[in-house]
């Protein structure tokens, strides 16, 4: 984390106490690469720091809300979504 990003994070936490999640998603090349391959980070590199951070965030959301996300609905690959948009 850069000094600037640490300062911004602290400012946001100061202005929104109790409203933010504890989990911080790190900057990651792997997170940036996944969409280029039409994959989620869980498919592209499930053991990367970014993937693990998103899993931690999901667990935190479930703990706070008591509602688990519906993981049963598959999302079509990016190239399929693009084709559908172009053909409608």
C-alpha atoms as a PDB file:
ATOM      1  CA  UNK A   1       0.000   0.000   0.000  1.00  0.00           C
ATOM      2  CA  UNK A   2       1.355   3.419  -0.896  1.00  0.00           C
ATOM      3  CA  UNK A   3       1.538   6.268   1.603  1.00  0.00           C
ATOM      4  CA  UNK A   4      -1.193   8.102  -0.304  1.00  0.00           C
ATOM      5  CA  UNK A   5      -3.550   5.116  -0.337  1.00  0.00           C
ATOM      6  CA  UNK A   6      -2.948   4.594   3.402  1.00  0.00           C
ATOM      7  CA  UNK A   7      -3.803   8.251   4.036  1.00  0.00           C
ATOM      8  CA  UNK A   8      -6.960   8.037   1.930  1.00  0.00           C
ATOM      9  CA  UNK A   9      -8.001   4.836   3.698  1.00  0.00           C
ATOM     10  CA  UNK A  10      -7.525   6.494   7.092  1.00  0.00           C
ATOM     11  CA  UNK A  11      -9.518   9.575   6.026  1.00  0.00           C
ATOM     12  CA  UNK A  12     -12.398   7.443   4.772  1.00  0.00           C
ATOM     13  CA  UNK A  13     -12.405   5.401   7.991  1.00  0.00           C
ATOM     14  CA  UNK A  14     -12.407   8.639  10.020  1.00  0.00           C
ATOM     15  CA  UNK A  15     -15.399  10.065   8.147  1.00  0.00           C
ATOM     16  CA  UNK A  16     -17.408   6.827   7.987  1.00  0.00           C
ATOM     17  CA  UNK A  17     -16.760   5.029  11.292  1.00  0.00           C
ATOM     18  CA  UNK A  18     -18.508   1.692  11.549  1.00  0.00           C
ATOM     19  CA  UNK A  19     -19.804   1.835   7.977  1.00  0.00           C
ATOM     20  CA  UNK A  20     -16.857   0.258   6.179  1.00  0.00           C
ATOM     21  CA  UNK A  21     -15.737  -3.316   5.887  1.00  0.00           C
ATOM     22  CA  UNK A  22     -12.485  -4.297   7.558  1.00  0.00           C
ATOM     23  CA  UNK A  23     -11.315  -6.245   4.507  1.00  0.00           C
ATOM     24  CA  UNK A  24      -9.117  -4.276   2.129  1.00  0.00           C
ATOM     25  CA  UNK A  25      -8.779  -5.442  -1.474  1.00  0.00           C
ATOM     26  CA  UNK A  26      -5.111  -5.005  -2.457  1.00  0.00           C
ATOM     27  CA  UNK A  27      -3.903  -3.641  -5.757  1.00  0.00           C
ATOM     28  CA  UNK A  28      -2.976  -6.631  -7.861  1.00  0.00           C
ATOM     29  CA  UNK A  29      -1.884  -7.321 -11.416  1.00  0.00           C
ATOM     30  CA  UNK A  30      -3.678 -10.673 -11.238  1.00  0.00           C
ATOM     31  CA  UNK A  31      -6.977  -8.916 -10.450  1.00  0.00           C
ATOM     32  CA  UNK A  32      -6.453  -6.684 -13.481  1.00  0.00           C
ATOM     33  CA  UNK A  33      -5.623  -9.601 -15.777  1.00  0.00           C
ATOM     34  CA  UNK A  34      -8.610 -11.838 -14.973  1.00  0.00           C
ATOM     35  CA  UNK A  35     -11.272  -9.850 -16.905  1.00  0.00           C
ATOM     36  CA  UNK A  36      -9.013  -9.795 -19.979  1.00  0.00           C
ATOM     37  CA  UNK A  37      -9.365 -13.570 -20.070  1.00  0.00           C
ATOM     38  CA  UNK A  38     -13.113 -13.457 -19.420  1.00  0.00           C
ATOM     39  CA  UNK A  39     -12.665 -15.011 -16.005  1.00  0.00           C
ATOM     40  CA  UNK A  40     -13.345 -14.103 -12.431  1.00  0.00           C
ATOM     41  CA  UNK A  41     -10.343 -13.951 -10.137  1.00  0.00           C
ATOM     42  CA  UNK A  42     -11.600 -17.194  -8.543  1.00  0.00           C
ATOM     43  CA  UNK A  43     -11.223 -18.916 -11.928  1.00  0.00           C
ATOM     44  CA  UNK A  44      -8.071 -17.135 -13.074  1.00  0.00           C
ATOM     45  CA  UNK A  45      -5.941 -17.344  -9.922  1.00  0.00           C
ATOM     46  CA  UNK A  46      -7.915 -18.531  -6.893  1.00  0.00           C
ATOM     47  CA  UNK A  47      -4.908 -18.440  -4.551  1.00  0.00           C
ATOM     48  CA  UNK A  48      -3.824 -14.892  -5.393  1.00  0.00           C
ATOM     49  CA  UNK A  49      -3.877 -12.185  -2.731  1.00  0.00           C
ATOM     50  CA  UNK A  50      -6.771 -10.473  -4.517  1.00  0.00           C
ATOM     51  CA  UNK A  51      -8.881 -13.637  -4.755  1.00  0.00           C
ATOM     52  CA  UNK A  52      -8.318 -14.419  -1.098  1.00  0.00           C
ATOM     53  CA  UNK A  53      -9.207 -10.838  -0.143  1.00  0.00           C
ATOM     54  CA  UNK A  54     -12.484 -11.036  -2.087  1.00  0.00           C
ATOM     55  CA  UNK A  55     -13.302 -14.326  -0.326  1.00  0.00           C
ATOM     56  CA  UNK A  56     -12.592 -12.636   3.001  1.00  0.00           C
ATOM     57  CA  UNK A  57     -14.840  -9.707   2.017  1.00  0.00           C
ATOM     58  CA  UNK A  58     -17.654 -12.086   1.023  1.00  0.00           C
ATOM     59  CA  UNK A  59     -17.381 -13.827   4.396  1.00  0.00           C
ATOM     60  CA  UNK A  60     -17.502 -10.455   6.128  1.00  0.00           C
ATOM     61  CA  UNK A  61     -20.645  -9.476   4.177  1.00  0.00           C
ATOM     62  CA  UNK A  62     -22.306 -12.753   5.193  1.00  0.00           C
ATOM     63  CA  UNK A  63     -21.344 -12.219   8.853  1.00  0.00           C
ATOM     64  CA  UNK A  64     -22.709  -8.665   8.866  1.00  0.00           C
ATOM     65  CA  UNK A  65     -25.912  -9.271   6.944  1.00  0.00           C
ATOM     66  CA  UNK A  66     -26.636 -12.912   7.666  1.00  0.00           C
ATOM     67  CA  UNK A  67     -27.363 -13.346   3.962  1.00  0.00           C
ATOM     68  CA  UNK A  68     -25.210 -15.561   1.770  1.00  0.00           C
ATOM     69  CA  UNK A  69     -24.826 -14.636  -1.901  1.00  0.00           C
ATOM     70  CA  UNK A  70     -26.496 -16.825  -4.510  1.00  0.00           C
ATOM     71  CA  UNK A  71     -23.551 -18.583  -6.118  1.00  0.00           C
ATOM     72  CA  UNK A  72     -25.760 -20.936  -8.109  1.00  0.00           C
ATOM     73  CA  UNK A  73     -26.417 -18.510 -10.966  1.00  0.00           C
ATOM     74  CA  UNK A  74     -23.563 -18.775 -13.476  1.00  0.00           C
ATOM     75  CA  UNK A  75     -22.391 -15.611 -15.184  1.00  0.00           C
ATOM     76  CA  UNK A  76     -21.655 -16.039 -18.893  1.00  0.00           C
ATOM     77  CA  UNK A  77     -18.069 -15.425 -20.014  1.00  0.00           C
ATOM     78  CA  UNK A  78     -17.209 -11.858 -21.007  1.00  0.00           C
ATOM     79  CA  UNK A  79     -17.044 -12.691 -24.719  1.00  0.00           C
ATOM     80  CA  UNK A  80     -20.599 -14.097 -24.571  1.00  0.00           C
ATOM     81  CA  UNK A  81     -21.871 -10.991 -22.791  1.00  0.00           C
ATOM     82  CA  UNK A  82     -20.257  -8.776 -25.434  1.00  0.00           C
ATOM     83  CA  UNK A  83     -21.847 -10.759 -28.268  1.00  0.00           C
ATOM     84  CA  UNK A  84     -25.281 -10.501 -26.692  1.00  0.00           C
ATOM     85  CA  UNK A  85     -24.956  -6.750 -26.306  1.00  0.00           C
ATOM     86  CA  UNK A  86     -23.845  -6.382 -29.928  1.00  0.00           C
ATOM     87  CA  UNK A  87     -26.687  -8.452 -31.333  1.00  0.00           C
ATOM     88  CA  UNK A  88     -29.638  -6.880 -29.510  1.00  0.00           C
END
